[in-house]
Amino acid sequence: MVSDIRDSTFSSSARISGEQLPHLVSELSRTNLAFGFVKVSEDEFAFAASPAQFVQKTEGKALRETFRNNRGFLVFPFDTSRYPGYFIPALLQAGQIHPADCQKEENKTAAKPERDTTEVYYKYIVEKAIEEIKEGKFQKLVPARRKTLVHPDFDPGILLKKLMDAYPQAHLLVFQLPGHGLWISASPEILLEQSIDSDSIRTMALAGTRIFNEGEDLKDMSWTEKEIEEQALVSGFIKSKLYGTGYSDFTEKGPFSVRAGNLVHLRTDFQIARKSESDFLKLAEILHPTPAVCGSPAAEAREWLIQHEGFGRSFFSGFAGMCGGDSDKLVVLLRICRIQGDELTFFAGAGVTALSNPEKEWMETGEKLKTLMTLL
């Protein structure tokens, strides 16, 4: 193993190979630098890094105006109405990073611990969600739960290597923001994606979840009324937002079944005609959060979740990724782990409709947590 990041080779387009990623993240996680990596092709990751003092806060609808001409890594929380997002400008290349000069300072102020979600409480909020949906207050809610493990001297590069081997099709992403920890996501869902040589922007509606059984044919998979309804709500939300904001020139494909590790989801793909350079960030503001991570209606569902879940989601079910380069990609932060000190915190949510069952939603979130937890 090389001892200095300068020994690793970056291409001129600031991309690295999957083979390089685990070691680079292991080294960078020991520093107080801000950085982000996102998978943009089969074996390439786009990258941005900067000293912490150059990280910029995003402020609401100023996103597309402030950052559209800058290359860097965006990180947005679930609750953008109360908390800012962050932009890590691409200021450093590998040869400019000296780990010995930017060692992480010990945090002497212990954060107030949040309790993990118990089975009893999670089933209670699912039951409450079902009740309020039946009363007509919501069409869907997506309550989440969290689970914390203590793992002294944890090396995030080891988990990344296992994730790449176990889930080669996942939208793998990792970022660090000093004060907010290091986050790793093996998400099945993108928020938006575009390349410089294309005149369209891609998004997807991903909802409905089943456990995958080896030998099953995805083309022949059957779905329940509840799962089909979940997916239709997300697809309908996306189409309504696109039509309502002048993006009526789009194509739709789906829904169809897709595998994501030990789970299967229903997915519909959308290709949206790009009209200007600012469309990518404008659409990010328009579409986040979708009913897939929040519920419907979105604003009211988000408030309900904040009041009832019993913990702060932070970046879980927000989005992150690269913008301003030759391949822009924003990933919905699902199947995610936060690493702070010796604590690893995992998050998962499940879509609840009037047809939901609390026991099944508890089991579904357990399967989602396993995506990362079983690799430790």
Protein backbone atom coordinates (compact mmCIF):
# COMPACT_ATOMS: atom_id res chain seq x y z
CA MET A 1 0.00 0.00 0.00
CA VAL A 2 1.34 3.41 -0.91
CA SER A 3 1.90 5.84 1.94
CA ASP A 4 1.15 9.09 0.14
CA ILE A 5 -1.82 9.98 -2.05
CA ARG A 6 0.61 11.64 -4.46
CA ASP A 7 1.73 8.15 -5.45
CA SER A 8 -1.73 7.53 -6.96
CA THR A 9 -2.43 8.60 -10.52
CA PHE A 10 -5.41 10.76 -11.47
CA SER A 11 -6.43 11.36 -15.06
CA SER A 12 -6.64 14.89 -16.47
CA SER A 13 -10.43 14.73 -16.17
CA ALA A 14 -10.20 14.23 -12.39
CA ARG A 15 -11.46 10.68 -12.48
CA ILE A 16 -10.08 7.63 -10.76
CA SER A 17 -10.52 3.90 -11.24
CA GLY A 18 -12.45 1.69 -8.87
CA GLU A 19 -9.20 -0.04 -7.98
CA GLN A 20 -7.81 3.23 -6.60
CA LEU A 21 -10.90 4.27 -4.64
CA PRO A 22 -10.62 2.20 -1.41
CA HIS A 23 -7.05 3.28 -0.64
CA LEU A 24 -7.67 6.94 -1.50
CA VAL A 25 -10.73 7.10 0.73
CA SER A 26 -8.87 5.37 3.57
CA GLU A 27 -6.13 8.02 3.34
CA LEU A 28 -8.45 10.99 2.89
CA SER A 29 -10.71 9.94 5.78
CA ARG A 30 -7.78 10.54 8.15
CA THR A 31 -7.59 14.19 7.09
CA ASN A 32 -9.79 17.22 7.68
CA LEU A 33 -10.31 17.69 3.94
CA ALA A 34 -13.77 17.77 2.37
CA PHE A 35 -14.14 15.37 -0.57
CA GLY A 36 -16.62 13.40 -2.63
CA PHE A 37 -16.49 10.52 -5.12
CA VAL A 38 -19.35 9.23 -7.27
CA LYS A 39 -19.40 6.35 -9.73
CA VAL A 40 -19.94 7.69 -13.27
CA SER A 41 -19.11 4.64 -15.40
CA GLU A 42 -18.45 0.93 -14.97
CA ASP A 43 -15.05 1.48 -13.36
CA GLU A 44 -14.61 5.25 -13.01
CA PHE A 45 -15.36 7.71 -10.23
CA ALA A 46 -15.57 11.49 -10.58
CA PHE A 47 -13.87 13.33 -7.76
CA ALA A 48 -13.69 16.68 -5.97
CA ALA A 49 -11.71 17.72 -2.89
CA SER A 50 -10.85 20.94 -1.08
CA PRO A 51 -9.73 22.25 2.31
CA ALA A 52 -12.71 22.52 4.64
CA GLN A 53 -12.64 26.34 4.71
CA PHE A 54 -13.51 26.46 1.00
CA VAL A 55 -16.69 24.40 1.32
CA GLN A 56 -19.68 26.61 0.51
CA LYS A 57 -23.19 26.44 1.92
CA THR A 58 -25.99 26.37 -0.60
CA GLU A 59 -28.94 28.60 0.12
CA GLY A 60 -32.32 27.45 -1.16
CA LYS A 61 -33.20 28.40 -4.71
CA ALA A 62 -29.84 30.11 -5.28
CA LEU A 63 -28.42 26.67 -6.13
CA ARG A 64 -28.57 26.86 -9.91
CA GLU A 65 -27.38 30.47 -10.04
CA THR A 66 -24.50 30.09 -7.60
CA PHE A 67 -22.93 26.83 -8.76
CA ARG A 68 -23.84 26.20 -12.37
CA ASN A 69 -20.44 27.34 -13.69
CA ASN A 70 -18.35 25.63 -11.00
CA ARG A 71 -17.17 22.05 -10.93
CA GLY A 72 -17.54 20.26 -7.65
CA PHE A 73 -19.45 17.91 -5.39
CA LEU A 74 -22.93 18.81 -4.12
CA VAL A 75 -24.40 17.40 -0.89
CA PHE A 76 -28.02 18.11 0.03
CA PRO A 77 -29.94 17.04 3.16
CA PHE A 78 -33.41 15.53 3.31
CA ASP A 79 -34.85 18.65 4.93
CA THR A 80 -33.70 21.50 2.70
CA SER A 81 -36.29 23.84 4.21
CA ARG A 82 -34.35 24.02 7.50
CA TYR A 83 -30.78 22.97 6.69
CA PRO A 84 -28.34 24.02 3.96
CA GLY A 85 -26.65 21.87 1.40
CA TYR A 86 -22.91 22.01 0.79
CA PHE A 87 -20.71 22.43 -2.25
CA ILE A 88 -17.16 21.02 -2.27
CA PRO A 89 -15.26 22.81 -5.08
CA ALA A 90 -12.83 20.73 -7.11
CA LEU A 91 -9.71 22.58 -5.97
CA LEU A 92 -7.25 19.75 -5.30
CA GLN A 93 -5.71 17.10 -7.53
CA ALA A 94 -3.99 14.04 -6.10
CA GLY A 95 -0.52 15.53 -6.34
CA GLN A 96 -1.61 18.53 -4.29
CA ILE A 97 -2.88 16.52 -1.32
CA HIS A 98 -0.43 15.98 1.55
CA PRO A 99 -2.14 13.92 4.27
CA ALA A 100 0.53 14.76 6.85
CA ASP A 101 -0.27 18.47 6.46
CA CYS A 102 -4.02 18.15 7.01
CA GLN A 103 -4.48 15.59 9.77
CA LYS A 104 -7.93 15.36 11.30
CA GLU A 105 -8.25 17.13 14.62
CA GLU A 106 -9.71 15.22 17.53
CA ASN A 107 -13.28 16.24 18.28
CA LYS A 108 -13.41 16.86 22.02
CA THR A 109 -17.09 17.84 22.03
CA ALA A 110 -19.24 14.75 22.11
CA ALA A 111 -22.41 14.99 20.04
CA LYS A 112 -25.70 14.27 21.78
CA PRO A 113 -26.44 10.63 20.96
CA GLU A 114 -29.70 9.77 19.21
CA ARG A 115 -31.52 6.60 20.05
CA ASP A 116 -31.85 3.79 17.55
CA THR A 117 -35.38 3.01 16.38
CA THR A 118 -36.92 0.12 18.27
CA GLU A 119 -39.21 -2.40 16.60
CA VAL A 120 -42.10 -1.35 18.83
CA TYR A 121 -41.74 2.33 17.96
CA TYR A 122 -41.25 1.80 14.24
CA LYS A 123 -44.38 -0.35 14.00
CA TYR A 124 -46.23 2.32 16.00
CA ILE A 125 -45.36 5.12 13.55
CA VAL A 126 -46.22 2.85 10.61
CA GLU A 127 -49.64 2.19 12.18
CA LYS A 128 -50.09 5.93 12.75
CA ALA A 129 -49.09 6.62 9.14
CA ILE A 130 -51.63 4.07 7.86
CA GLU A 131 -54.34 5.66 10.02
CA GLU A 132 -53.66 9.17 8.71
CA ILE A 133 -53.51 7.95 5.11
CA LYS A 134 -56.91 6.28 5.53
CA GLU A 135 -58.23 9.57 6.95
CA GLY A 136 -57.20 11.24 3.68
CA LYS A 137 -54.39 13.39 5.07
CA PHE A 138 -51.74 11.69 2.92
CA GLN A 139 -51.48 9.34 -0.05
CA LYS A 140 -48.16 7.90 1.11
CA LEU A 141 -45.59 8.30 3.90
CA VAL A 142 -42.03 6.93 4.07
CA PRO A 143 -41.06 6.52 7.74
CA ALA A 144 -37.41 5.61 8.33
CA ARG A 145 -35.42 3.97 11.10
CA ARG A 146 -31.77 3.98 12.15
CA LYS A 147 -29.35 1.43 13.56
CA THR A 148 -25.94 2.15 15.11
CA LEU A 149 -22.96 -0.18 15.49
CA VAL A 150 -19.69 0.53 17.31
CA HIS A 151 -16.60 -0.46 15.30
CA PRO A 152 -13.29 0.88 16.67
CA ASP A 153 -10.59 1.73 14.12
CA PHE A 154 -12.96 1.18 11.20
CA ASP A 155 -11.40 1.56 7.75
CA PRO A 156 -13.99 2.85 5.23
CA GLY A 157 -11.84 1.64 2.33
CA ILE A 158 -12.53 -1.96 3.35
CA LEU A 159 -16.30 -1.42 3.21
CA LEU A 160 -15.99 0.32 -0.17
CA LYS A 161 -14.05 -2.60 -1.64
CA LYS A 162 -16.68 -5.06 -0.41
CA LEU A 163 -19.50 -2.89 -1.76
CA MET A 164 -17.91 -2.68 -5.21
CA ASP A 165 -17.52 -6.45 -5.31
CA ALA A 166 -20.98 -7.25 -3.94
CA TYR A 167 -23.04 -4.60 -5.77
CA PRO A 168 -21.35 -3.72 -9.07
CA GLN A 169 -24.53 -2.10 -10.44
CA ALA A 170 -25.10 0.22 -7.46
CA HIS A 171 -24.63 3.98 -7.75
CA LEU A 172 -21.72 4.01 -5.31
CA LEU A 173 -20.90 7.29 -3.65
CA VAL A 174 -18.74 8.46 -0.72
CA PHE A 175 -18.17 11.91 0.75
CA GLN A 176 -16.73 13.60 3.81
CA LEU A 177 -17.72 16.95 5.30
CA PRO A 178 -15.78 17.99 8.41
CA GLY A 179 -18.25 18.22 11.27
CA HIS A 180 -20.74 15.91 9.52
CA GLY A 181 -18.75 12.69 9.25
CA LEU A 182 -17.99 10.41 6.32
CA TRP A 183 -20.91 8.91 4.37
CA ILE A 184 -20.99 5.85 2.09
CA SER A 185 -23.96 5.03 -0.12
CA ALA A 186 -24.62 2.10 -2.45
CA SER A 187 -27.82 3.58 -3.81
CA PRO A 188 -30.19 1.97 -6.33
CA GLU A 189 -31.53 5.38 -7.40
CA ILE A 190 -30.31 8.48 -9.18
CA LEU A 191 -31.98 11.86 -8.87
CA LEU A 192 -30.50 13.21 -12.13
CA GLU A 193 -27.77 12.37 -14.63
CA GLN A 194 -26.47 14.06 -17.79
CA SER A 195 -23.39 14.00 -20.02
CA ILE A 196 -21.93 16.93 -21.91
CA ASP A 197 -22.47 15.24 -25.30
CA SER A 198 -26.19 14.57 -24.70
CA ASP A 199 -29.16 16.91 -25.10
CA SER A 200 -31.21 15.18 -22.39
CA ILE A 201 -31.26 14.69 -18.62
CA ARG A 202 -32.17 11.35 -17.05
CA THR A 203 -34.18 10.71 -13.89
CA MET A 204 -36.12 7.77 -12.52
CA ALA A 205 -39.05 6.80 -10.32
CA LEU A 206 -38.02 3.95 -8.03
CA ALA A 207 -40.54 2.55 -5.57
CA GLY A 208 -41.99 -0.76 -4.47
CA THR A 209 -39.70 -3.30 -2.84
CA ARG A 210 -39.48 -7.10 -2.76
CA ILE A 211 -36.83 -9.52 -1.54
CA PHE A 212 -34.99 -11.13 -4.44
CA ASN A 213 -34.97 -14.92 -4.52
CA GLU A 214 -32.16 -16.56 -6.45
CA GLY A 215 -33.35 -17.99 -9.75
CA GLU A 216 -36.25 -15.58 -10.18
CA ASP A 217 -36.75 -14.00 -13.60
CA LEU A 218 -37.26 -10.24 -13.25
CA LYS A 219 -39.46 -10.19 -16.36
CA ASP A 220 -41.94 -12.60 -14.77
CA MET A 221 -42.04 -11.00 -11.32
CA SER A 222 -45.46 -10.20 -9.90
CA TRP A 223 -46.21 -7.13 -7.78
CA THR A 224 -48.93 -6.41 -5.23
CA GLU A 225 -51.49 -3.64 -5.54
CA LYS A 226 -49.70 -1.76 -2.74
CA GLU A 227 -46.32 -1.88 -4.53
CA ILE A 228 -47.80 -0.84 -7.89
CA GLU A 229 -49.60 2.07 -6.19
CA GLU A 230 -46.33 3.20 -4.54
CA GLN A 231 -44.53 3.30 -7.87
CA ALA A 232 -47.40 5.05 -9.64
CA LEU A 233 -47.36 7.84 -7.02
CA VAL A 234 -43.69 8.56 -7.63
CA SER A 235 -44.05 8.46 -11.43
CA GLY A 236 -47.08 10.71 -11.23
CA PHE A 237 -45.21 13.16 -9.02
CA ILE A 238 -42.32 13.43 -11.49
CA LYS A 239 -44.64 13.96 -14.47
CA SER A 240 -46.66 16.55 -12.59
CA LYS A 241 -43.50 18.48 -11.65
CA LEU A 242 -42.15 18.34 -15.21
CA TYR A 243 -45.39 19.51 -16.82
CA GLY A 244 -45.90 22.16 -14.13
CA THR A 245 -42.48 23.73 -14.66
CA GLY A 246 -42.34 23.74 -18.45
CA TYR A 247 -40.44 20.48 -19.05
CA SER A 248 -43.17 18.77 -21.06
CA ASP A 249 -40.72 17.39 -23.66
CA PHE A 250 -39.78 14.06 -22.07
CA THR A 251 -40.06 10.32 -22.73
CA GLU A 252 -41.10 7.67 -20.24
CA LYS A 253 -40.18 3.97 -20.09
CA GLY A 254 -41.57 1.54 -17.55
CA PRO A 255 -42.37 0.46 -14.97
CA PHE A 256 -40.11 -2.58 -14.98
CA SER A 257 -38.41 -4.69 -12.32
CA VAL A 258 -34.78 -4.02 -11.39
CA ARG A 259 -32.55 -5.84 -8.94
CA ALA A 260 -30.60 -3.94 -6.27
CA GLY A 261 -28.52 -6.42 -4.28
CA ASN A 262 -30.85 -8.57 -2.15
CA LEU A 263 -33.90 -6.55 -3.20
CA VAL A 264 -36.01 -5.85 -6.30
CA HIS A 265 -37.76 -2.55 -7.10
CA LEU A 266 -40.16 -1.18 -9.69
CA ARG A 267 -38.59 1.53 -11.84
CA THR A 268 -39.69 3.98 -14.53
CA ASP A 269 -37.05 5.93 -16.49
CA PHE A 270 -37.52 9.46 -17.82
CA GLN A 271 -35.46 11.29 -20.46
CA ILE A 272 -36.01 15.07 -20.27
CA ALA A 273 -35.06 17.39 -23.11
CA ARG A 274 -32.49 19.93 -21.93
CA LYS A 275 -33.25 23.56 -22.77
CA SER A 276 -30.37 25.40 -21.08
CA GLU A 277 -27.22 24.86 -19.03
CA SER A 278 -29.07 25.64 -15.80
CA ASP A 279 -31.68 22.88 -16.28
CA PHE A 280 -29.73 20.23 -14.37
CA LEU A 281 -29.61 22.11 -11.08
CA LYS A 282 -33.06 23.60 -11.60
CA LEU A 283 -34.54 20.11 -11.92
CA ALA A 284 -32.71 18.99 -8.78
CA GLU A 285 -34.53 21.71 -6.85
CA ILE A 286 -37.86 20.84 -8.47
CA LEU A 287 -37.76 17.07 -7.91
CA HIS A 288 -36.29 16.77 -4.41
CA PRO A 289 -37.67 15.17 -2.31
CA THR A 290 -39.77 12.73 -4.33
CA PRO A 291 -42.55 10.61 -2.77
CA ALA A 292 -40.09 7.67 -2.93
CA VAL A 293 -38.17 9.05 0.08
CA CYS A 294 -40.77 11.33 1.66
CA GLY A 295 -44.41 10.76 0.79
CA SER A 296 -47.28 12.60 -0.79
CA PRO A 297 -48.06 15.45 -0.63
CA ALA A 298 -44.34 16.06 -0.25
CA ALA A 299 -44.17 19.19 1.94
CA GLU A 300 -46.74 17.92 4.44
CA ALA A 301 -45.22 14.42 4.45
CA ARG A 302 -41.76 15.80 5.22
CA GLU A 303 -43.12 17.74 8.21
CA TRP A 304 -44.92 14.65 9.50
CA LEU A 305 -41.75 12.54 9.28
CA ILE A 306 -39.64 15.17 11.05
CA GLN A 307 -42.16 15.19 13.90
CA HIS A 308 -42.58 11.42 14.26
CA GLU A 309 -39.37 9.57 13.32
CA GLY A 310 -37.47 10.41 16.51
CA PHE A 311 -34.10 11.20 14.90
CA GLY A 312 -32.61 13.62 12.40
CA ARG A 313 -32.14 12.19 8.91
CA SER A 314 -29.34 14.61 8.03
CA PHE A 315 -28.17 13.56 4.54
CA PHE A 316 -30.04 10.24 4.47
CA SER A 317 -32.62 10.44 1.63
CA GLY A 318 -31.08 13.70 0.45
CA PHE A 319 -28.86 13.67 -2.63
CA ALA A 320 -25.22 14.14 -3.57
CA GLY A 321 -22.91 13.97 -6.57
CA MET A 322 -20.85 15.84 -9.14
CA CYS A 323 -21.89 18.83 -11.21
CA GLY A 324 -20.15 21.20 -13.61
CA GLY A 325 -18.09 18.56 -15.40
CA ASP A 326 -18.35 16.40 -18.49
CA SER A 327 -20.62 13.92 -16.68
CA ASP A 328 -22.96 15.28 -14.01
CA LYS A 329 -24.64 12.83 -11.65
CA LEU A 330 -26.71 13.28 -8.49
CA VAL A 331 -27.55 10.17 -6.45
CA VAL A 332 -30.40 9.75 -3.95
CA LEU A 333 -28.71 8.92 -0.64
CA LEU A 334 -30.16 5.51 0.15
CA ARG A 335 -28.53 2.26 1.42
CA ILE A 336 -26.29 4.56 3.39
CA CYS A 337 -23.92 4.57 6.33
CA ARG A 338 -22.55 7.52 8.34
CA ILE A 339 -19.16 7.06 10.03
CA GLN A 340 -18.32 9.34 12.95
CA GLY A 341 -15.54 8.28 15.26
CA ASP A 342 -16.12 4.62 16.09
CA GLU A 343 -19.86 4.77 15.37
CA LEU A 344 -21.43 3.53 12.15
CA THR A 345 -25.04 4.59 11.70
CA PHE A 346 -27.28 2.96 9.07
CA PHE A 347 -30.61 4.30 7.79
CA ALA A 348 -33.55 2.77 5.92
CA GLY A 349 -37.14 3.70 5.13
CA ALA A 350 -40.21 2.00 3.66
CA GLY A 351 -43.13 3.36 1.68
CA VAL A 352 -46.41 3.18 3.60
CA THR A 353 -49.85 3.31 1.96
CA ALA A 354 -53.33 2.39 3.15
CA LEU A 355 -52.53 -1.23 2.17
CA SER A 356 -49.36 -1.47 4.27
CA ASN A 357 -48.66 -3.90 7.10
CA PRO A 358 -46.39 -2.78 10.00
CA GLU A 359 -44.67 -6.17 10.30
CA LYS A 360 -43.84 -6.23 6.58
CA GLU A 361 -42.49 -2.65 6.67
CA TRP A 362 -40.25 -3.56 9.62
CA MET A 363 -38.93 -6.56 7.68
CA GLU A 364 -38.43 -4.48 4.51
CA THR A 365 -36.36 -1.86 6.31
CA GLY A 366 -34.35 -4.67 7.88
CA GLU A 367 -33.50 -6.05 4.44
CA LYS A 368 -32.44 -2.58 3.29
CA LEU A 369 -30.17 -2.17 6.32
CA LYS A 370 -28.53 -5.49 5.48
CA THR A 371 -27.23 -4.08 2.17
CA LEU A 372 -24.31 -2.50 4.02
CA MET A 373 -24.40 -4.08 7.48
CA THR A 374 -23.82 -7.65 6.30
CA LEU A 375 -20.54 -6.62 4.67
CA LEU A 376 -18.94 -5.46 7.95
